Amino acid sequence: MSYNDITTFYTTSRNSIYKNVPSPKVFQIDNHACVSIESIIDNMMSFGVELNTINIATRFDQLSSRTDLIEHTQEVEDIISKIKLQDADIIHTNPIIIYVVLWSDDFEANHTRKNRNST
């Protein structure tokens, strides 16, 4: 491959792989940098990361006898019931529930006299 092929197919051209891999868009709320859940899911799927999902049509009591899985919690049962009530065609659409762990990487500045410029 030539340098031109590399830039065309992989790095800099409009149709290159690098330019078309979804990357989370950062936005600001009250001086905090944030990314949307949708953009994180797009990014994870583009790299083939397996998502934690719960299939509505699956019968969990047939999957496992373990009771410590998130699939066996009352919260999941409530979510499934709510989805089934909202959509009469649930059998045909077969939605999945994606569960994520949300975290924050924020910090507060250290405002002591000794460390005035420290964070």
N, C-alpha and C. Protein backbone atom coordinates (compact mmCIF):
# COMPACT_ATOMS: atom_id res chain seq x y z
N MET A 1 0.84 -1.19 0.00
CA MET A 1 0.00 0.00 0.00
C MET A 1 0.88 1.25 0.00
N SER A 2 0.39 2.25 -0.61
CA SER A 2 1.10 3.52 -0.66
C SER A 2 0.62 4.42 0.47
N TYR A 3 1.35 5.51 0.68
CA TYR A 3 0.95 6.49 1.69
C TYR A 3 -0.43 7.06 1.34
N ASN A 4 -0.67 7.28 0.06
CA ASN A 4 -1.96 7.80 -0.39
C ASN A 4 -3.09 6.83 -0.05
N ASP A 5 -2.85 5.53 -0.23
CA ASP A 5 -3.87 4.53 0.13
C ASP A 5 -4.17 4.56 1.62
N ILE A 6 -3.13 4.67 2.42
CA ILE A 6 -3.32 4.70 3.88
C ILE A 6 -4.16 5.90 4.29
N THR A 7 -3.82 7.08 3.78
CA THR A 7 -4.60 8.26 4.14
C THR A 7 -6.02 8.20 3.59
N THR A 8 -6.18 7.65 2.41
CA THR A 8 -7.50 7.57 1.80
C THR A 8 -8.41 6.61 2.54
N PHE A 9 -7.91 5.41 2.83
CA PHE A 9 -8.76 4.38 3.41
C PHE A 9 -8.81 4.39 4.92
N TYR A 10 -7.76 4.88 5.57
CA TYR A 10 -7.67 4.72 7.02
C TYR A 10 -7.71 6.00 7.85
N THR A 11 -7.10 7.09 7.38
CA THR A 11 -6.91 8.21 8.31
C THR A 11 -7.61 9.51 7.95
N THR A 12 -7.31 10.12 6.85
CA THR A 12 -7.72 11.52 6.69
C THR A 12 -8.85 11.80 5.70
N SER A 13 -9.14 10.91 4.78
CA SER A 13 -10.18 11.24 3.80
C SER A 13 -11.56 11.20 4.46
N ARG A 14 -12.51 11.80 3.79
CA ARG A 14 -13.87 11.89 4.32
C ARG A 14 -14.49 10.51 4.56
N ASN A 15 -14.12 9.53 3.75
CA ASN A 15 -14.67 8.18 3.88
C ASN A 15 -13.74 7.22 4.61
N SER A 16 -12.71 7.74 5.26
CA SER A 16 -11.75 6.88 5.95
C SER A 16 -12.38 6.22 7.17
N ILE A 17 -11.77 5.12 7.60
CA ILE A 17 -12.25 4.42 8.79
C ILE A 17 -12.19 5.34 10.00
N TYR A 18 -11.06 6.02 10.17
CA TYR A 18 -10.87 6.89 11.34
C TYR A 18 -11.94 7.98 11.42
N LYS A 19 -12.27 8.58 10.30
CA LYS A 19 -13.26 9.67 10.29
C LYS A 19 -14.68 9.16 10.52
N ASN A 20 -14.92 7.86 10.31
CA ASN A 20 -16.27 7.33 10.41
C ASN A 20 -16.54 6.47 11.64
N VAL A 21 -15.56 6.27 12.48
CA VAL A 21 -15.81 5.56 13.74
C VAL A 21 -16.50 6.55 14.68
N PRO A 22 -17.67 6.17 15.20
CA PRO A 22 -18.36 7.10 16.11
C PRO A 22 -17.52 7.38 17.35
N SER A 23 -17.49 8.62 17.75
CA SER A 23 -16.80 8.95 18.99
C SER A 23 -17.73 9.84 19.80
N PRO A 24 -17.77 9.62 21.10
CA PRO A 24 -18.71 10.39 21.93
C PRO A 24 -18.49 11.90 21.79
N LYS A 25 -19.57 12.61 21.57
CA LYS A 25 -19.53 14.06 21.48
C LYS A 25 -19.63 14.65 22.88
N VAL A 26 -18.72 15.53 23.20
CA VAL A 26 -18.69 16.14 24.53
C VAL A 26 -19.51 17.43 24.53
N PHE A 27 -20.33 17.60 25.56
CA PHE A 27 -21.06 18.85 25.74
C PHE A 27 -20.90 19.29 27.19
N GLN A 28 -21.26 20.52 27.46
CA GLN A 28 -21.01 21.09 28.77
C GLN A 28 -22.32 21.46 29.45
N ILE A 29 -22.43 21.09 30.73
CA ILE A 29 -23.57 21.48 31.56
C ILE A 29 -23.00 22.00 32.87
N ASP A 30 -23.27 23.26 33.17
CA ASP A 30 -22.80 23.88 34.42
C ASP A 30 -21.31 23.65 34.65
N ASN A 31 -20.50 23.91 33.65
CA ASN A 31 -19.04 23.75 33.71
C ASN A 31 -18.59 22.31 33.93
N HIS A 32 -19.41 21.35 33.55
CA HIS A 32 -19.05 19.93 33.62
C HIS A 32 -19.06 19.37 32.21
N ALA A 33 -18.02 18.64 31.84
CA ALA A 33 -17.97 17.98 30.54
C ALA A 33 -18.78 16.69 30.62
N CYS A 34 -19.66 16.47 29.63
CA CYS A 34 -20.54 15.31 29.65
C CYS A 34 -20.57 14.67 28.27
N VAL A 35 -20.95 13.40 28.22
CA VAL A 35 -21.22 12.70 26.96
C VAL A 35 -22.56 11.99 27.11
N SER A 36 -23.28 11.85 26.01
CA SER A 36 -24.60 11.21 26.08
C SER A 36 -24.45 9.70 26.12
N ILE A 37 -25.43 9.05 26.70
CA ILE A 37 -25.44 7.59 26.76
C ILE A 37 -25.50 7.02 25.34
N GLU A 38 -26.28 7.65 24.46
CA GLU A 38 -26.40 7.16 23.08
C GLU A 38 -25.05 7.17 22.37
N SER A 39 -24.25 8.23 22.58
CA SER A 39 -22.95 8.28 21.90
C SER A 39 -21.97 7.26 22.47
N ILE A 40 -22.09 6.95 23.76
CA ILE A 40 -21.25 5.91 24.36
C ILE A 40 -21.63 4.55 23.79
N ILE A 41 -22.92 4.27 23.66
CA ILE A 41 -23.37 3.00 23.10
C ILE A 41 -22.92 2.88 21.65
N ASP A 42 -23.06 3.95 20.85
CA ASP A 42 -22.58 3.94 19.46
C ASP A 42 -21.10 3.60 19.40
N ASN A 43 -20.31 4.24 20.26
CA ASN A 43 -18.87 4.02 20.29
C ASN A 43 -18.55 2.58 20.67
N MET A 44 -19.20 2.06 21.69
CA MET A 44 -18.94 0.69 22.13
C MET A 44 -19.30 -0.31 21.04
N MET A 45 -20.43 -0.09 20.38
CA MET A 45 -20.85 -1.02 19.33
C MET A 45 -19.91 -0.96 18.12
N SER A 46 -19.38 0.22 17.82
CA SER A 46 -18.47 0.33 16.67
C SER A 46 -17.17 -0.43 16.89
N PHE A 47 -16.78 -0.62 18.15
CA PHE A 47 -15.57 -1.37 18.46
C PHE A 47 -15.87 -2.82 18.83
N GLY A 48 -17.13 -3.22 18.73
CA GLY A 48 -17.50 -4.60 18.98
C GLY A 48 -17.53 -4.98 20.45
N VAL A 49 -17.66 -3.99 21.34
CA VAL A 49 -17.75 -4.28 22.77
C VAL A 49 -19.11 -4.90 23.04
N GLU A 50 -19.12 -6.02 23.75
CA GLU A 50 -20.38 -6.68 24.07
C GLU A 50 -21.12 -5.90 25.16
N LEU A 51 -22.35 -5.54 24.86
CA LEU A 51 -23.17 -4.77 25.80
C LEU A 51 -23.88 -5.71 26.76
N ASN A 52 -24.12 -5.23 27.97
CA ASN A 52 -24.91 -5.98 28.94
C ASN A 52 -26.37 -5.77 28.59
N THR A 53 -27.03 -6.81 28.11
CA THR A 53 -28.41 -6.67 27.67
C THR A 53 -29.30 -7.71 28.31
N ILE A 54 -30.58 -7.39 28.36
CA ILE A 54 -31.59 -8.32 28.81
C ILE A 54 -32.64 -8.38 27.70
N ASN A 55 -32.87 -9.57 27.19
CA ASN A 55 -33.84 -9.77 26.12
C ASN A 55 -35.20 -9.99 26.75
N ILE A 56 -36.18 -9.20 26.35
CA ILE A 56 -37.52 -9.27 26.93
C ILE A 56 -38.14 -10.65 26.72
N ALA A 57 -37.90 -11.25 25.56
CA ALA A 57 -38.55 -12.51 25.22
C ALA A 57 -37.94 -13.71 25.94
N THR A 58 -36.75 -13.56 26.52
CA THR A 58 -36.08 -14.67 27.19
C THR A 58 -36.73 -14.96 28.53
N ARG A 59 -36.90 -16.20 28.83
CA ARG A 59 -37.43 -16.58 30.16
C ARG A 59 -36.25 -16.82 31.07
N PHE A 60 -36.06 -15.94 32.04
CA PHE A 60 -34.88 -15.99 32.89
C PHE A 60 -34.84 -17.23 33.78
N ASP A 61 -36.00 -17.76 34.16
CA ASP A 61 -35.99 -18.93 35.04
C ASP A 61 -35.45 -20.16 34.32
N GLN A 62 -35.40 -20.14 33.00
CA GLN A 62 -34.82 -21.25 32.25
C GLN A 62 -33.33 -21.06 32.01
N LEU A 63 -32.84 -19.82 32.14
CA LEU A 63 -31.43 -19.54 31.87
C LEU A 63 -30.51 -20.05 32.97
N SER A 64 -30.87 -19.78 34.21
CA SER A 64 -29.96 -20.07 35.30
C SER A 64 -30.73 -20.20 36.60
N SER A 65 -30.16 -20.96 37.50
CA SER A 65 -30.78 -21.05 38.82
C SER A 65 -30.17 -20.04 39.78
N ARG A 66 -29.19 -19.25 39.31
CA ARG A 66 -28.57 -18.23 40.17
C ARG A 66 -29.55 -17.11 40.43
N THR A 67 -29.56 -16.62 41.64
CA THR A 67 -30.46 -15.52 41.99
C THR A 67 -29.71 -14.22 42.21
N ASP A 68 -28.39 -14.22 42.03
CA ASP A 68 -27.61 -13.02 42.26
C ASP A 68 -27.38 -12.22 40.98
N LEU A 69 -27.98 -12.61 39.87
CA LEU A 69 -27.82 -11.89 38.61
C LEU A 69 -28.81 -10.74 38.55
N ILE A 70 -28.43 -9.69 37.85
CA ILE A 70 -29.32 -8.52 37.72
C ILE A 70 -30.62 -8.89 37.01
N GLU A 71 -30.56 -9.89 36.15
CA GLU A 71 -31.76 -10.32 35.42
C GLU A 71 -32.85 -10.84 36.34
N HIS A 72 -32.48 -11.26 37.55
CA HIS A 72 -33.44 -11.86 38.48
C HIS A 72 -33.91 -10.88 39.55
N THR A 73 -33.70 -9.59 39.35
CA THR A 73 -34.11 -8.62 40.36
C THR A 73 -35.54 -8.13 40.11
N GLN A 74 -36.15 -7.62 41.13
CA GLN A 74 -37.51 -7.08 41.00
C GLN A 74 -37.52 -5.86 40.09
N GLU A 75 -36.46 -5.07 40.11
CA GLU A 75 -36.38 -3.89 39.24
C GLU A 75 -36.49 -4.27 37.77
N VAL A 76 -35.78 -5.33 37.37
CA VAL A 76 -35.84 -5.79 35.97
C VAL A 76 -37.24 -6.29 35.65
N GLU A 77 -37.85 -7.03 36.57
CA GLU A 77 -39.22 -7.50 36.35
C GLU A 77 -40.17 -6.33 36.16
N ASP A 78 -40.00 -5.27 36.95
CA ASP A 78 -40.84 -4.07 36.82
C ASP A 78 -40.64 -3.39 35.48
N ILE A 79 -39.38 -3.29 35.03
CA ILE A 79 -39.09 -2.67 33.72
C ILE A 79 -39.73 -3.47 32.60
N ILE A 80 -39.59 -4.79 32.65
CA ILE A 80 -40.19 -5.65 31.62
C ILE A 80 -41.70 -5.50 31.61
N SER A 81 -42.32 -5.49 32.77
CA SER A 81 -43.77 -5.32 32.85
C SER A 81 -44.20 -3.99 32.26
N LYS A 82 -43.45 -2.93 32.56
CA LYS A 82 -43.77 -1.61 32.04
C LYS A 82 -43.67 -1.57 30.51
N ILE A 83 -42.63 -2.21 29.97
CA ILE A 83 -42.45 -2.24 28.51
C ILE A 83 -43.58 -3.04 27.87
N LYS A 84 -43.94 -4.16 28.45
CA LYS A 84 -45.02 -4.98 27.89
C LYS A 84 -46.36 -4.25 27.91
N LEU A 85 -46.60 -3.43 28.94
CA LEU A 85 -47.83 -2.66 29.00
C LEU A 85 -47.87 -1.56 27.94
N GLN A 86 -46.71 -0.99 27.62
CA GLN A 86 -46.66 0.11 26.66
C GLN A 86 -46.80 -0.37 25.22
N ASP A 87 -46.38 -1.60 24.94
CA ASP A 87 -46.34 -2.06 23.56
C ASP A 87 -47.06 -3.40 23.43
N ALA A 88 -48.20 -3.38 22.77
CA ALA A 88 -48.97 -4.61 22.60
C ALA A 88 -48.28 -5.57 21.63
N ASP A 89 -47.45 -5.05 20.75
CA ASP A 89 -46.74 -5.88 19.76
C ASP A 89 -45.36 -6.30 20.25
N ILE A 90 -45.19 -6.45 21.54
CA ILE A 90 -43.88 -6.75 22.12
C ILE A 90 -43.28 -8.04 21.56
N ILE A 91 -44.10 -8.99 21.21
CA ILE A 91 -43.60 -10.27 20.68
C ILE A 91 -42.91 -10.04 19.34
N HIS A 92 -43.44 -9.13 18.53
CA HIS A 92 -42.88 -8.92 17.18
C HIS A 92 -41.68 -7.99 17.19
N THR A 93 -41.64 -7.01 18.08
CA THR A 93 -40.52 -6.06 18.10
C THR A 93 -39.34 -6.57 18.89
N ASN A 94 -39.57 -7.38 19.91
CA ASN A 94 -38.52 -7.99 20.73
C ASN A 94 -37.45 -7.00 21.19
N PRO A 95 -37.82 -5.98 21.98
CA PRO A 95 -36.82 -5.02 22.45
C PRO A 95 -35.86 -5.65 23.45
N ILE A 96 -34.71 -5.02 23.63
CA ILE A 96 -33.76 -5.46 24.64
C ILE A 96 -33.54 -4.31 25.62
N ILE A 97 -33.16 -4.66 26.82
CA ILE A 97 -32.82 -3.66 27.84
C ILE A 97 -31.31 -3.64 27.93
N ILE A 98 -30.72 -2.47 27.83
CA ILE A 98 -29.28 -2.32 27.98
C ILE A 98 -29.04 -1.71 29.35
N TYR A 99 -28.22 -2.37 30.16
CA TYR A 99 -27.94 -1.78 31.47
C TYR A 99 -26.49 -1.35 31.54
N VAL A 100 -26.31 -0.14 32.07
CA VAL A 100 -24.99 0.47 32.16
C VAL A 100 -24.74 0.94 33.59
N VAL A 101 -23.49 1.01 33.93
CA VAL A 101 -23.09 1.57 35.22
C VAL A 101 -22.63 2.99 34.95
N LEU A 102 -23.29 3.95 35.56
CA LEU A 102 -22.92 5.35 35.38
C LEU A 102 -21.92 5.75 36.45
N TRP A 103 -20.94 6.55 36.05
CA TRP A 103 -19.94 7.01 37.00
C TRP A 103 -19.53 8.43 36.63
N SER A 104 -18.92 9.08 37.57
CA SER A 104 -18.45 10.44 37.36
C SER A 104 -16.97 10.51 37.67
N ASP A 105 -16.26 11.24 36.84
CA ASP A 105 -14.82 11.39 37.04
C ASP A 105 -14.53 12.84 37.44
N ASP A 106 -15.46 13.45 38.14
CA ASP A 106 -15.37 14.85 38.51
C ASP A 106 -14.59 14.99 39.82
N PHE A 107 -14.07 16.18 40.06
CA PHE A 107 -13.39 16.45 41.31
C PHE A 107 -13.59 17.92 41.67
N GLU A 108 -13.41 18.23 42.93
CA GLU A 108 -13.49 19.61 43.40
C GLU A 108 -12.07 20.14 43.60
N ALA A 109 -11.90 21.39 43.32
CA ALA A 109 -10.57 21.99 43.51
C ALA A 109 -10.24 22.07 44.99
N ASN A 110 -8.97 21.96 45.30
CA ASN A 110 -8.48 22.04 46.67
C ASN A 110 -8.24 23.52 46.99
N HIS A 111 -9.06 24.10 47.84
CA HIS A 111 -8.98 25.54 48.13
C HIS A 111 -8.38 25.82 49.51
N THR A 112 -7.29 25.21 49.83
CA THR A 112 -6.63 25.51 51.11
C THR A 112 -5.61 26.63 50.89
N ARG A 113 -5.27 27.34 51.93
CA ARG A 113 -4.30 28.44 51.80
C ARG A 113 -2.94 27.95 51.33
N LYS A 114 -2.58 26.80 51.80
CA LYS A 114 -1.26 26.27 51.49
C LYS A 114 -1.14 25.92 49.99
N ASN A 115 -2.22 25.41 49.42
CA ASN A 115 -2.21 24.94 48.03
C ASN A 115 -3.15 25.77 47.17
N ARG A 116 -2.92 27.05 47.04
CA ARG A 116 -3.85 27.92 46.33
C ARG A 116 -4.04 27.53 44.86
N ASN A 117 -3.00 27.04 44.22
CA ASN A 117 -3.10 26.70 42.80
C ASN A 117 -3.25 25.21 42.57
N SER A 118 -3.51 24.45 43.61
CA SER A 118 -3.59 23.01 43.49
C SER A 118 -5.01 22.56 43.21
N THR A 119 -5.14 21.44 42.52
CA THR A 119 -6.46 20.81 42.38
C THR A 119 -6.37 19.40 42.94
